[in-house]
Amino acid sequence: HREVLAQYDVMTVGEMPGANVEEA
C-alpha cells in the first residue's frame, strides 16, 4: 500500500482462502 497503492485512486480485493471474519 505504501509503495504503490497509496499513490492511486484504485480498488483492491484480495482472494483469501482460509480467512475468517476476524482476519478479514
PDB file of all heavy atoms in Angstrom:
ATOM      1  N   HIS A   1       0.836  -1.199   0.000  1.00  0.00           N
ATOM      2  CA  HIS A   1       0.000   0.000   0.000  1.00  0.00           C
ATOM      3  C   HIS A   1       0.875   1.254   0.000  1.00  0.00           C
ATOM      4  O   HIS A   1       0.671   2.175  -0.797  1.00  0.00           O
ATOM      5  CB  HIS A   1      -0.944  -0.006   1.203  1.00  0.00           C
ATOM      6  CG  HIS A   1      -1.967   1.085   1.132  1.00  0.00           C
ATOM      7  ND1 HIS A   1      -1.735   2.352   1.615  1.00  0.00           N
ATOM      8  CD2 HIS A   1      -3.208   1.112   0.602  1.00  0.00           C
ATOM      9  CE1 HIS A   1      -2.796   3.106   1.387  1.00  0.00           C
ATOM     10  NE2 HIS A   1      -3.710   2.375   0.778  1.00  0.00           N
ATOM     11  N   ARG A   2       1.861   1.276   0.890  1.00  0.00           N
ATOM     12  CA  ARG A   2       2.772   2.438   0.988  1.00  0.00           C
ATOM     13  C   ARG A   2       3.519   2.666  -0.315  1.00  0.00           C
ATOM     14  O   ARG A   2       3.591   3.772  -0.825  1.00  0.00           O
ATOM     15  CB  ARG A   2       3.812   2.185   2.089  1.00  0.00           C
ATOM     16  CG  ARG A   2       3.437   2.659   3.453  1.00  0.00           C
ATOM     17  CD  ARG A   2       4.649   2.724   4.385  1.00  0.00           C
ATOM     18  NE  ARG A   2       5.571   1.597   4.303  1.00  0.00           N
ATOM     19  CZ  ARG A   2       5.405   0.434   4.956  1.00  0.00           C
ATOM     20  NH1 ARG A   2       4.354   0.225   5.705  1.00  0.00           N
ATOM     21  NH2 ARG A   2       6.308  -0.519   4.839  1.00  0.00           N
ATOM     22  N   GLU A   3       4.075   1.601  -0.845  1.00  0.00           N
ATOM     23  CA  GLU A   3       4.958   1.705  -2.010  1.00  0.00           C
ATOM     24  C   GLU A   3       4.192   1.981  -3.299  1.00  0.00           C
ATOM     25  O   GLU A   3       4.725   2.586  -4.226  1.00  0.00           O
ATOM     26  CB  GLU A   3       5.758   0.401  -2.181  1.00  0.00           C
ATOM     27  CG  GLU A   3       6.728   0.107  -1.059  1.00  0.00           C
ATOM     28  CD  GLU A   3       7.977   0.966  -1.139  1.00  0.00           C
ATOM     29  OE1 GLU A   3       8.493   1.148  -2.251  1.00  0.00           O
ATOM     30  OE2 GLU A   3       8.403   1.476  -0.089  1.00  0.00           O
ATOM     31  N   VAL A   4       2.943   1.491  -3.386  1.00  0.00           N
ATOM     32  CA  VAL A   4       2.230   1.540  -4.668  1.00  0.00           C
ATOM     33  C   VAL A   4       0.846   2.160  -4.541  1.00  0.00           C
ATOM     34  O   VAL A   4       0.569   3.218  -5.093  1.00  0.00           O
ATOM     35  CB  VAL A   4       2.074   0.114  -5.274  1.00  0.00           C
ATOM     36  CG1 VAL A   4       1.411   0.193  -6.647  1.00  0.00           C
ATOM     37  CG2 VAL A   4       3.410  -0.598  -5.360  1.00  0.00           C
ATOM     38  N   LEU A   5      -0.040   1.479  -3.841  1.00  0.00           N
ATOM     39  CA  LEU A   5      -1.479   1.763  -3.952  1.00  0.00           C
ATOM     40  C   LEU A   5      -1.859   3.147  -3.445  1.00  0.00           C
ATOM     41  O   LEU A   5      -2.787   3.767  -3.967  1.00  0.00           O
ATOM     42  CB  LEU A   5      -2.277   0.686  -3.208  1.00  0.00           C
ATOM     43  CG  LEU A   5      -2.067  -0.731  -3.765  1.00  0.00           C
ATOM     44  CD1 LEU A   5      -2.617  -1.777  -2.802  1.00  0.00           C
ATOM     45  CD2 LEU A   5      -2.731  -0.878  -5.135  1.00  0.00           C
ATOM     46  N   ALA A   6      -1.141   3.636  -2.435  1.00  0.00           N
ATOM     47  CA  ALA A   6      -1.485   4.930  -1.838  1.00  0.00           C
ATOM     48  C   ALA A   6      -1.404   6.065  -2.854  1.00  0.00           C
ATOM     49  O   ALA A   6      -2.029   7.109  -2.674  1.00  0.00           O
ATOM     50  CB  ALA A   6      -0.559   5.214  -0.649  1.00  0.00           C
ATOM     51  N   GLN A   7      -0.664   5.844  -3.946  1.00  0.00           N
ATOM     52  CA  GLN A   7      -0.483   6.918  -4.929  1.00  0.00           C
ATOM     53  C   GLN A   7      -1.592   6.960  -5.994  1.00  0.00           C
ATOM     54  O   GLN A   7      -1.540   7.784  -6.903  1.00  0.00           O
ATOM     55  CB  GLN A   7       0.873   6.761  -5.628  1.00  0.00           C
ATOM     56  CG  GLN A   7       2.033   7.156  -4.721  1.00  0.00           C
ATOM     57  CD  GLN A   7       2.998   6.009  -4.481  1.00  0.00           C
ATOM     58  OE1 GLN A   7       3.597   5.494  -5.415  1.00  0.00           O
ATOM     59  NE2 GLN A   7       3.152   5.603  -3.225  1.00  0.00           N
ATOM     60  N   TYR A   8      -2.577   6.070  -5.876  1.00  0.00           N
ATOM     61  CA  TYR A   8      -3.614   5.977  -6.919  1.00  0.00           C
ATOM     62  C   TYR A   8      -4.997   5.840  -6.266  1.00  0.00           C
ATOM     63  O   TYR A   8      -5.109   5.340  -5.159  1.00  0.00           O
ATOM     64  CB  TYR A   8      -3.374   4.738  -7.800  1.00  0.00           C
ATOM     65  CG  TYR A   8      -2.011   4.658  -8.437  1.00  0.00           C
ATOM     66  CD1 TYR A   8      -0.931   4.090  -7.746  1.00  0.00           C
ATOM     67  CD2 TYR A   8      -1.785   5.127  -9.734  1.00  0.00           C
ATOM     68  CE1 TYR A   8       0.337   4.003  -8.325  1.00  0.00           C
ATOM     69  CE2 TYR A   8      -0.529   5.036 -10.326  1.00  0.00           C
ATOM     70  CZ  TYR A   8       0.528   4.481  -9.622  1.00  0.00           C
ATOM     71  OH  TYR A   8       1.769   4.386 -10.197  1.00  0.00           O
ATOM     72  N   ASP A   9      -6.051   6.276  -6.987  1.00  0.00           N
ATOM     73  CA  ASP A   9      -7.413   6.067  -6.507  1.00  0.00           C
ATOM     74  C   ASP A   9      -7.940   4.774  -7.122  1.00  0.00           C
ATOM     75  O   ASP A   9      -8.564   4.782  -8.184  1.00  0.00           O
ATOM     76  CB  ASP A   9      -8.316   7.250  -6.904  1.00  0.00           C
ATOM     77  CG  ASP A   9      -9.772   7.008  -6.521  1.00  0.00           C
ATOM     78  OD1 ASP A   9     -10.018   6.208  -5.586  1.00  0.00           O
ATOM     79  OD2 ASP A   9     -10.668   7.588  -7.165  1.00  0.00           O
ATOM     80  N   VAL A  10      -7.633   3.673  -6.467  1.00  0.00           N
ATOM     81  CA  VAL A  10      -7.969   2.364  -7.039  1.00  0.00           C
ATOM     82  C   VAL A  10      -8.627   1.480  -5.988  1.00  0.00           C
ATOM     83  O   VAL A  10      -8.596   1.782  -4.797  1.00  0.00           O
ATOM     84  CB  VAL A  10      -6.709   1.652  -7.597  1.00  0.00           C
ATOM     85  CG1 VAL A  10      -6.166   2.404  -8.800  1.00  0.00           C
ATOM     86  CG2 VAL A  10      -5.640   1.482  -6.526  1.00  0.00           C
ATOM     87  N   MET A  11      -9.209   0.372  -6.445  1.00  0.00           N
ATOM     88  CA  MET A  11      -9.786  -0.608  -5.517  1.00  0.00           C
ATOM     89  C   MET A  11      -8.954  -1.882  -5.527  1.00  0.00           C
ATOM     90  O   MET A  11      -8.309  -2.215  -6.526  1.00  0.00           O
ATOM     91  CB  MET A  11     -11.239  -0.919  -5.865  1.00  0.00           C
ATOM     92  CG  MET A  11     -11.440  -1.671  -7.158  1.00  0.00           C
ATOM     93  SD  MET A  11     -13.054  -2.516  -7.250  1.00  0.00           S
ATOM     94  CE  MET A  11     -12.682  -4.063  -6.418  1.00  0.00           C
ATOM     95  N   THR A  12      -8.991  -2.569  -4.400  1.00  0.00           N
ATOM     96  CA  THR A  12      -8.286  -3.844  -4.292  1.00  0.00           C
ATOM     97  C   THR A  12      -9.191  -4.858  -3.613  1.00  0.00           C
ATOM     98  O   THR A  12      -9.873  -4.542  -2.640  1.00  0.00           O
ATOM     99  CB  THR A  12      -6.999  -3.716  -3.458  1.00  0.00           C
ATOM    100  OG1 THR A  12      -7.321  -3.076  -2.206  1.00  0.00           O
ATOM    101  CG2 THR A  12      -5.951  -2.900  -4.185  1.00  0.00           C
ATOM    102  N   VAL A  13      -9.201  -6.061  -4.151  1.00  0.00           N
ATOM    103  CA  VAL A  13      -9.902  -7.166  -3.496  1.00  0.00           C
ATOM    104  C   VAL A  13      -8.930  -8.332  -3.438  1.00  0.00           C
ATOM    105  O   VAL A  13      -8.339  -8.712  -4.445  1.00  0.00           O
ATOM    106  CB  VAL A  13     -11.223  -7.529  -4.216  1.00  0.00           C
ATOM    107  CG1 VAL A  13     -11.030  -7.795  -5.708  1.00  0.00           C
ATOM    108  CG2 VAL A  13     -11.901  -8.735  -3.549  1.00  0.00           C
ATOM    109  N   GLY A  14      -8.718  -8.844  -2.228  1.00  0.00           N
ATOM    110  CA  GLY A  14      -7.775  -9.939  -2.038  1.00  0.00           C
ATOM    111  C   GLY A  14      -8.501 -11.273  -1.979  1.00  0.00           C
ATOM    112  O   GLY A  14      -9.397 -11.454  -1.155  1.00  0.00           O
ATOM    113  N   GLU A  15      -8.133 -12.201  -2.872  1.00  0.00           N
ATOM    114  CA  GLU A  15      -8.660 -13.564  -2.752  1.00  0.00           C
ATOM    115  C   GLU A  15      -7.942 -14.235  -1.595  1.00  0.00           C
ATOM    116  O   GLU A  15      -6.717 -14.348  -1.604  1.00  0.00           O
ATOM    117  CB  GLU A  15      -8.413 -14.350  -4.050  1.00  0.00           C
ATOM    118  CG  GLU A  15      -9.008 -15.749  -3.980  1.00  0.00           C
ATOM    119  CD  GLU A  15      -8.461 -16.698  -5.042  1.00  0.00           C
ATOM    120  OE1 GLU A  15      -7.298 -16.549  -5.468  1.00  0.00           O
ATOM    121  OE2 GLU A  15      -9.212 -17.608  -5.430  1.00  0.00           O
ATOM    122  N   MET A  16      -8.710 -14.670  -0.573  1.00  0.00           N
ATOM    123  CA  MET A  16      -8.080 -15.158   0.653  1.00  0.00           C
ATOM    124  C   MET A  16      -8.741 -16.425   1.185  1.00  0.00           C
ATOM    125  O   MET A  16      -9.530 -16.378   2.134  1.00  0.00           O
ATOM    126  CB  MET A  16      -8.107 -14.058   1.711  1.00  0.00           C
ATOM    127  CG  MET A  16      -7.323 -12.824   1.296  1.00  0.00           C
ATOM    128  SD  MET A  16      -7.029 -11.725   2.685  1.00  0.00           S
ATOM    129  CE  MET A  16      -6.076 -10.420   1.903  1.00  0.00           C
ATOM    130  N   PRO A  17      -8.408 -17.568   0.593  1.00  0.00           N
ATOM    131  CA  PRO A  17      -8.921 -18.823   1.145  1.00  0.00           C
ATOM    132  C   PRO A  17      -8.473 -18.953   2.606  1.00  0.00           C
ATOM    133  O   PRO A  17      -7.357 -18.577   2.954  1.00  0.00           O
ATOM    134  CB  PRO A  17      -8.247 -19.900   0.291  1.00  0.00           C
ATOM    135  CG  PRO A  17      -7.790 -19.204  -0.947  1.00  0.00           C
ATOM    136  CD  PRO A  17      -7.515 -17.788  -0.553  1.00  0.00           C
ATOM    137  N   GLY A  18      -9.370 -19.463   3.440  1.00  0.00           N
ATOM    138  CA  GLY A  18      -8.992 -19.684   4.836  1.00  0.00           C
ATOM    139  C   GLY A  18      -9.031 -18.449   5.716  1.00  0.00           C
ATOM    140  O   GLY A  18      -8.694 -18.519   6.894  1.00  0.00           O
ATOM    141  N   ALA A  19      -9.432 -17.296   5.171  1.00  0.00           N
ATOM    142  CA  ALA A  19      -9.546 -16.090   6.014  1.00  0.00           C
ATOM    143  C   ALA A  19     -10.900 -16.109   6.714  1.00  0.00           C
ATOM    144  O   ALA A  19     -11.927 -16.352   6.088  1.00  0.00           O
ATOM    145  CB  ALA A  19      -9.419 -14.833   5.167  1.00  0.00           C
ATOM    146  N   ASN A  20     -10.889 -15.866   8.042  1.00  0.00           N
ATOM    147  CA  ASN A  20     -12.149 -15.788   8.778  1.00  0.00           C
ATOM    148  C   ASN A  20     -12.516 -14.323   9.022  1.00  0.00           C
ATOM    149  O   ASN A  20     -11.798 -13.413   8.599  1.00  0.00           O
ATOM    150  CB  ASN A  20     -12.062 -16.589  10.086  1.00  0.00           C
ATOM    151  CG  ASN A  20     -10.981 -16.043  11.017  1.00  0.00           C
ATOM    152  OD1 ASN A  20     -10.671 -14.852  10.999  1.00  0.00           O
ATOM    153  ND2 ASN A  20     -10.402 -16.913  11.835  1.00  0.00           N
ATOM    154  N   VAL A  21     -13.633 -14.107   9.702  1.00  0.00           N
ATOM    155  CA  VAL A  21     -14.129 -12.737   9.881  1.00  0.00           C
ATOM    156  C   VAL A  21     -13.113 -11.871  10.617  1.00  0.00           C
ATOM    157  O   VAL A  21     -12.866 -10.717  10.235  1.00  0.00           O
ATOM    158  CB  VAL A  21     -15.475 -12.735  10.643  1.00  0.00           C
ATOM    159  CG1 VAL A  21     -15.884 -11.323  11.017  1.00  0.00           C
ATOM    160  CG2 VAL A  21     -16.565 -13.372   9.797  1.00  0.00           C
ATOM    161  N   GLU A  22     -12.515 -12.418  11.670  1.00  0.00           N
ATOM    162  CA  GLU A  22     -11.574 -11.610  12.469  1.00  0.00           C
ATOM    163  C   GLU A  22     -10.370 -11.202  11.629  1.00  0.00           C
ATOM    164  O   GLU A  22      -9.895 -10.067  11.704  1.00  0.00           O
ATOM    165  CB  GLU A  22     -11.131 -12.383  13.729  1.00  0.00           C
ATOM    166  CG  GLU A  22     -12.254 -12.602  14.745  1.00  0.00           C
ATOM    167  CD  GLU A  22     -13.059 -11.326  15.026  1.00  0.00           C
ATOM    168  OE1 GLU A  22     -12.437 -10.278  15.326  1.00  0.00           O
ATOM    169  OE2 GLU A  22     -14.298 -11.354  14.946  1.00  0.00           O
ATOM    170  N   GLU A  23      -9.872 -12.137  10.806  1.00  0.00           N
ATOM    171  CA  GLU A  23      -8.744 -11.797   9.932  1.00  0.00           C
ATOM    172  C   GLU A  23      -9.178 -10.787   8.866  1.00  0.00           C
ATOM    173  O   GLU A  23      -8.442  -9.849   8.553  1.00  0.00           O
ATOM    174  CB  GLU A  23      -8.200 -13.074   9.275  1.00  0.00           C
ATOM    175  CG  GLU A  23      -7.374 -13.901  10.243  1.00  0.00           C
ATOM    176  CD  GLU A  23      -7.313 -15.385   9.903  1.00  0.00           C
ATOM    177  OE1 GLU A  23      -8.158 -15.870   9.128  1.00  0.00           O
ATOM    178  OE2 GLU A  23      -6.429 -16.043  10.448  1.00  0.00           O
ATOM    179  N   ALA A  24     -10.392 -10.971   8.328  1.00  0.00           N
ATOM    180  CA  ALA A  24     -10.884 -10.059   7.293  1.00  0.00           C
ATOM    181  C   ALA A  24     -11.020  -8.636   7.834  1.00  0.00           C
ATOM    182  O   ALA A  24     -10.813  -7.669   7.103  1.00  0.00           O
ATOM    183  CB  ALA A  24     -12.223 -10.554   6.752  1.00  0.00           C
TER     184      ALA A  24
END
